C-alpha atoms as a PDB file:
ATOM      1  CA  MET A   1      58.727  38.661  43.320  1.00  0.00           C
ATOM      2  CA  LEU A   2      62.077  38.059  41.629  1.00  0.00           C
ATOM      3  CA  GLU A   3      60.792  35.054  39.734  1.00  0.00           C
ATOM      4  CA  THR A   4      57.916  37.139  38.369  1.00  0.00           C
ATOM      5  CA  ILE A   5      60.352  39.801  37.194  1.00  0.00           C
ATOM      6  CA  ALA A   6      62.561  37.163  35.584  1.00  0.00           C
ATOM      7  CA  ILE A   7      59.620  35.612  33.738  1.00  0.00           C
ATOM      8  CA  VAL A   8      58.393  39.005  32.528  1.00  0.00           C
ATOM      9  CA  LEU A   9      61.861  39.941  31.292  1.00  0.00           C
ATOM     10  CA  LEU A  10      62.254  36.634  29.449  1.00  0.00           C
ATOM     11  CA  VAL A  11      58.853  37.044  27.794  1.00  0.00           C
ATOM     12  CA  LEU A  12      59.695  40.593  26.726  1.00  0.00           C
ATOM     13  CA  TRP A  13      63.007  39.380  25.311  1.00  0.00           C
ATOM     14  CA  GLY A  14      61.251  36.657  23.339  1.00  0.00           C
ATOM     15  CA  LEU A  15      58.737  39.140  21.961  1.00  0.00           C
ATOM     16  CA  GLY A  16      61.570  41.472  21.039  1.00  0.00           C
ATOM     17  CA  LEU A  17      63.291  38.778  19.004  1.00  0.00           C
ATOM     18  CA  ILE A  18      60.098  38.245  17.026  1.00  0.00           C
ATOM     19  CA  SER A  19      58.864  41.821  16.667  1.00  0.00           C
ATOM     20  CA  SER A  20      61.583  44.383  16.057  1.00  0.00           C
ATOM     21  CA  VAL A  21      65.259  44.719  15.366  1.00  0.00           C
ATOM     22  CA  SER A  22      65.333  48.367  16.435  1.00  0.00           C
ATOM     23  CA  LEU A  23      64.706  47.467  20.078  1.00  0.00           C
ATOM     24  CA  GLY A  24      67.355  44.737  20.006  1.00  0.00           C
ATOM     25  CA  GLY A  25      69.747  46.498  22.378  1.00  0.00           C
ATOM     26  CA  PHE A  26      67.036  47.168  24.951  1.00  0.00           C
ATOM     27  CA  ILE A  27      65.739  43.619  24.733  1.00  0.00           C
ATOM     28  CA  HIS A  28      69.196  42.174  25.288  1.00  0.00           C
ATOM     29  CA  VAL A  29      69.600  44.357  28.383  1.00  0.00           C
ATOM     30  CA  LEU A  30      66.338  42.856  29.658  1.00  0.00           C
ATOM     31  CA  LEU A  31      67.681  39.365  28.961  1.00  0.00           C
ATOM     32  CA  VAL A  32      70.857  40.068  30.918  1.00  0.00           C
ATOM     33  CA  LEU A  33      68.787  41.368  33.843  1.00  0.00           C
ATOM     34  CA  ALA A  34      66.633  38.227  33.786  1.00  0.00           C
ATOM     35  CA  ILE A  35      69.719  36.001  33.836  1.00  0.00           C
ATOM     36  CA  ILE A  36      71.177  37.978  36.741  1.00  0.00           C
ATOM     37  CA  VAL A  37      67.935  37.587  38.709  1.00  0.00           C
ATOM     38  CA  ILE A  38      67.913  33.833  38.103  1.00  0.00           C
ATOM     39  CA  LEU A  39      71.583  33.518  39.111  1.00  0.00           C
ATOM     40  CA  VAL A  40      70.966  35.461  42.328  1.00  0.00           C
ATOM     41  CA  ARG A  41      68.122  33.089  43.195  1.00  0.00           C
ATOM     42  CA  VAL A  42      70.303  30.038  42.499  1.00  0.00           C
ATOM     43  CA  ILE A  43      73.128  31.431  44.643  1.00  0.00           C
ATOM     44  CA  GLN A  44      70.673  32.140  47.463  1.00  0.00           C
ATOM     45  CA  GLY A  45      69.476  28.537  47.241  1.00  0.00           C
ATOM     46  CA  ARG A  46      65.889  29.353  46.345  1.00  0.00           C
ATOM     47  CA  LYS A  47      63.676  27.731  43.731  1.00  0.00           C
ATOM     48  CA  VAL A  48      64.540  29.275  40.348  1.00  0.00           C
ATOM     49  CA  LEU A  49      61.119  29.426  38.656  1.00  0.00           C
END
C-alpha cells in the first residue's frame, strides 16, 4: 500500500516538473510525502519499492 502511494506521488511529481510551474508548490509537497513514505519503509526494514 505505501509503496503504491510512493510510486504515485513520484510519478505526479515528475509530471508536475514537465507540465506546469503554477503547481510547483503542490508537486513539491507530494515529493516530500513520497520521500517520507520511502524513509518510513526503510526504517521499518521493509522492501522499499
